[in-house]
């Protein structure tokens, strides 16, 4: 049976998707979408120092995605 995706991996996947989406929008729609790329990068940087990530909060509370530790312990 396949192990469910952890919160940590879900946040990384979401950030990667948002970067790729913002680059595509910048190239094909409007150059102003480059600011979405900047926002995602800045959010990743501040999250690495503070541990605070709004996307993780939403994924945990709304989507009920569990952390690596919770998946390992079986809770």
N, C-alpha and C. Protein backbone atom coordinates (compact mmCIF):
# COMPACT_ATOMS: atom_id res chain seq x y z
N UNK A 1 0.84 -1.17 0.00
CA UNK A 1 0.00 0.00 0.00
C UNK A 1 0.89 1.24 0.00
N UNK A 2 0.50 2.23 -0.79
CA UNK A 2 1.29 3.45 -0.90
C UNK A 2 1.08 4.35 0.31
N UNK A 3 2.20 4.91 0.81
CA UNK A 3 2.16 5.81 1.96
C UNK A 3 1.58 7.16 1.53
N UNK A 4 0.69 7.75 2.34
CA UNK A 4 0.12 9.05 1.98
C UNK A 4 1.19 10.15 2.02
N UNK A 5 0.94 11.21 1.26
CA UNK A 5 1.87 12.33 1.21
C UNK A 5 1.87 13.07 2.54
N UNK A 6 3.05 13.40 3.02
CA UNK A 6 3.17 14.14 4.27
C UNK A 6 2.95 15.63 4.03
N UNK A 7 2.70 16.35 5.10
CA UNK A 7 2.50 17.79 5.02
C UNK A 7 3.74 18.48 4.45
N UNK A 8 4.91 18.05 4.89
CA UNK A 8 6.15 18.66 4.41
C UNK A 8 6.30 18.51 2.90
N UNK A 9 6.02 17.33 2.38
CA UNK A 9 6.12 17.11 0.94
C UNK A 9 5.00 17.83 0.18
N UNK A 10 3.83 17.92 0.77
CA UNK A 10 2.73 18.63 0.13
C UNK A 10 3.04 20.11 -0.02
N UNK A 11 3.66 20.70 1.00
CA UNK A 11 4.03 22.12 0.94
C UNK A 11 5.08 22.33 -0.15
N UNK A 12 6.07 21.46 -0.23
CA UNK A 12 7.09 21.57 -1.26
C UNK A 12 6.50 21.42 -2.66
N UNK A 13 5.59 20.47 -2.82
CA UNK A 13 4.95 20.27 -4.12
C UNK A 13 4.10 21.48 -4.51
N UNK A 14 3.38 22.03 -3.56
CA UNK A 14 2.56 23.21 -3.81
C UNK A 14 3.42 24.41 -4.20
N UNK A 15 4.53 24.61 -3.50
CA UNK A 15 5.43 25.72 -3.81
C UNK A 15 6.02 25.56 -5.22
N UNK A 16 6.43 24.36 -5.55
CA UNK A 16 6.95 24.11 -6.89
C UNK A 16 5.92 24.37 -7.96
N UNK A 17 4.70 23.92 -7.73
CA UNK A 17 3.62 24.17 -8.68
C UNK A 17 3.36 25.65 -8.85
N UNK A 18 3.35 26.39 -7.74
CA UNK A 18 3.08 27.83 -7.80
C UNK A 18 4.19 28.58 -8.56
N UNK A 19 5.43 28.17 -8.38
CA UNK A 19 6.53 28.79 -9.12
C UNK A 19 6.38 28.53 -10.61
N UNK A 20 6.13 27.29 -10.98
CA UNK A 20 5.96 26.96 -12.40
C UNK A 20 4.76 27.67 -13.00
N UNK A 21 3.66 27.74 -12.26
CA UNK A 21 2.47 28.44 -12.74
C UNK A 21 2.76 29.92 -12.93
N UNK A 22 3.43 30.53 -11.97
CA UNK A 22 3.69 31.96 -12.07
C UNK A 22 4.65 32.28 -13.22
N UNK A 23 5.61 31.42 -13.47
CA UNK A 23 6.51 31.63 -14.61
C UNK A 23 5.73 31.51 -15.92
N UNK A 24 4.86 30.52 -16.02
CA UNK A 24 4.04 30.36 -17.23
C UNK A 24 3.13 31.57 -17.43
N UNK A 25 2.52 32.06 -16.36
CA UNK A 25 1.66 33.24 -16.47
C UNK A 25 2.46 34.47 -16.86
N UNK A 26 3.68 34.58 -16.34
CA UNK A 26 4.54 35.71 -16.69
C UNK A 26 4.88 35.69 -18.17
N UNK A 27 5.19 34.52 -18.70
CA UNK A 27 5.59 34.39 -20.10
C UNK A 27 4.40 34.55 -21.03
N UNK A 28 3.28 33.94 -20.71
CA UNK A 28 2.17 33.87 -21.66
C UNK A 28 1.04 34.87 -21.43
N UNK A 29 0.93 35.45 -20.24
CA UNK A 29 -0.20 36.33 -19.95
C UNK A 29 0.25 37.78 -19.75
N UNK A 30 1.04 38.02 -18.71
CA UNK A 30 1.45 39.39 -18.40
C UNK A 30 2.71 39.36 -17.56
N UNK A 31 3.62 40.28 -17.81
CA UNK A 31 4.89 40.30 -17.09
C UNK A 31 4.71 40.61 -15.60
N UNK A 32 3.58 41.17 -15.21
CA UNK A 32 3.33 41.47 -13.80
C UNK A 32 3.21 40.23 -12.93
N UNK A 33 2.96 39.08 -13.54
CA UNK A 33 2.86 37.85 -12.76
C UNK A 33 4.20 37.42 -12.17
N UNK A 34 5.28 38.08 -12.57
CA UNK A 34 6.58 37.78 -11.97
C UNK A 34 6.54 38.04 -10.46
N UNK A 35 5.67 38.94 -10.02
CA UNK A 35 5.55 39.23 -8.59
C UNK A 35 4.98 38.05 -7.81
N UNK A 36 4.22 37.19 -8.46
CA UNK A 36 3.77 35.97 -7.79
C UNK A 36 4.96 35.06 -7.50
N UNK A 37 5.89 34.97 -8.45
CA UNK A 37 7.11 34.20 -8.24
C UNK A 37 7.91 34.77 -7.08
N UNK A 38 8.02 36.09 -7.04
CA UNK A 38 8.74 36.75 -5.95
C UNK A 38 8.07 36.46 -4.61
N UNK A 39 6.75 36.53 -4.56
CA UNK A 39 6.01 36.26 -3.33
C UNK A 39 6.24 34.83 -2.85
N UNK A 40 6.17 33.88 -3.76
CA UNK A 40 6.37 32.47 -3.37
C UNK A 40 7.79 32.27 -2.84
N UNK A 41 8.77 32.84 -3.53
CA UNK A 41 10.15 32.72 -3.07
C UNK A 41 10.37 33.35 -1.71
N UNK A 42 9.79 34.55 -1.51
CA UNK A 42 9.93 35.23 -0.22
C UNK A 42 9.25 34.44 0.89
N UNK A 43 8.10 33.85 0.59
CA UNK A 43 7.39 33.04 1.58
C UNK A 43 8.20 31.80 1.95
N UNK A 44 8.83 31.17 0.96
CA UNK A 44 9.67 30.01 1.25
C UNK A 44 10.87 30.39 2.11
N UNK A 45 11.45 31.56 1.83
CA UNK A 45 12.60 32.02 2.60
C UNK A 45 12.21 32.31 4.05
N UNK A 46 11.12 33.05 4.25
CA UNK A 46 10.72 33.35 5.62
C UNK A 46 10.29 32.09 6.36
N UNK A 47 9.69 31.14 5.67
CA UNK A 47 9.28 29.89 6.30
C UNK A 47 10.49 29.09 6.78
N UNK A 48 11.58 29.16 6.03
CA UNK A 48 12.78 28.42 6.43
C UNK A 48 13.37 28.97 7.72
N UNK A 49 13.17 30.26 8.00
CA UNK A 49 13.70 30.86 9.22
C UNK A 49 12.71 30.81 10.38
N UNK A 50 11.42 30.99 10.10
CA UNK A 50 10.43 31.11 11.17
C UNK A 50 9.63 29.84 11.41
N UNK A 51 9.51 28.99 10.40
CA UNK A 51 8.68 27.81 10.51
C UNK A 51 7.21 28.07 10.25
N UNK A 52 6.85 29.33 10.01
CA UNK A 52 5.45 29.71 9.76
C UNK A 52 5.15 29.63 8.27
N UNK A 53 4.15 28.84 7.91
CA UNK A 53 3.76 28.70 6.51
C UNK A 53 2.23 28.66 6.41
N UNK A 54 1.63 29.72 5.84
CA UNK A 54 0.17 29.74 5.72
C UNK A 54 -0.39 28.55 4.93
N UNK A 55 0.31 28.13 3.89
CA UNK A 55 -0.16 27.00 3.09
C UNK A 55 -0.22 25.72 3.93
N UNK A 56 0.76 25.54 4.80
CA UNK A 56 0.78 24.35 5.67
C UNK A 56 -0.38 24.36 6.64
N UNK A 57 -0.71 25.55 7.15
CA UNK A 57 -1.84 25.67 8.07
C UNK A 57 -3.14 25.25 7.38
N UNK A 58 -3.34 25.73 6.15
CA UNK A 58 -4.55 25.39 5.39
C UNK A 58 -4.57 23.90 5.08
N UNK A 59 -3.45 23.36 4.62
CA UNK A 59 -3.40 21.94 4.27
C UNK A 59 -3.67 21.06 5.49
N UNK A 60 -3.18 21.48 6.63
CA UNK A 60 -3.36 20.68 7.86
C UNK A 60 -4.80 20.75 8.37
N UNK A 61 -5.36 21.96 8.41
CA UNK A 61 -6.70 22.13 8.99
C UNK A 61 -7.82 21.75 8.03
N UNK A 62 -7.69 22.13 6.77
CA UNK A 62 -8.77 21.91 5.81
C UNK A 62 -8.64 20.56 5.13
N UNK A 63 -7.44 20.26 4.65
CA UNK A 63 -7.25 19.01 3.91
C UNK A 63 -6.86 17.82 4.79
N UNK A 64 -6.57 18.10 6.07
CA UNK A 64 -6.23 17.07 7.05
C UNK A 64 -4.99 16.26 6.65
N UNK A 65 -4.00 16.92 6.06
CA UNK A 65 -2.75 16.26 5.71
C UNK A 65 -1.89 16.17 6.96
N UNK A 66 -1.33 15.00 7.22
CA UNK A 66 -0.56 14.78 8.44
C UNK A 66 0.94 14.98 8.19
N UNK A 67 1.67 15.31 9.26
CA UNK A 67 3.11 15.51 9.17
C UNK A 67 3.84 14.18 9.06
N UNK A 68 5.15 14.26 8.73
CA UNK A 68 5.99 13.06 8.68
C UNK A 68 5.96 12.31 10.01
N UNK A 69 6.07 13.07 11.10
CA UNK A 69 6.09 12.44 12.43
C UNK A 69 4.77 11.73 12.73
N UNK A 70 3.67 12.33 12.36
CA UNK A 70 2.36 11.70 12.59
C UNK A 70 2.19 10.45 11.75
N UNK A 71 2.67 10.49 10.52
CA UNK A 71 2.59 9.31 9.66
C UNK A 71 3.48 8.18 10.18
N UNK A 72 4.66 8.52 10.71
CA UNK A 72 5.58 7.52 11.22
C UNK A 72 5.04 6.86 12.49
N UNK A 73 4.37 7.65 13.32
CA UNK A 73 3.85 7.10 14.58
C UNK A 73 2.51 6.40 14.41
N UNK A 74 1.88 6.62 13.27
CA UNK A 74 0.60 5.97 13.01
C UNK A 74 -0.59 6.67 13.62
N UNK A 75 -0.43 7.90 14.09
CA UNK A 75 -1.56 8.63 14.69
C UNK A 75 -2.30 9.43 13.65
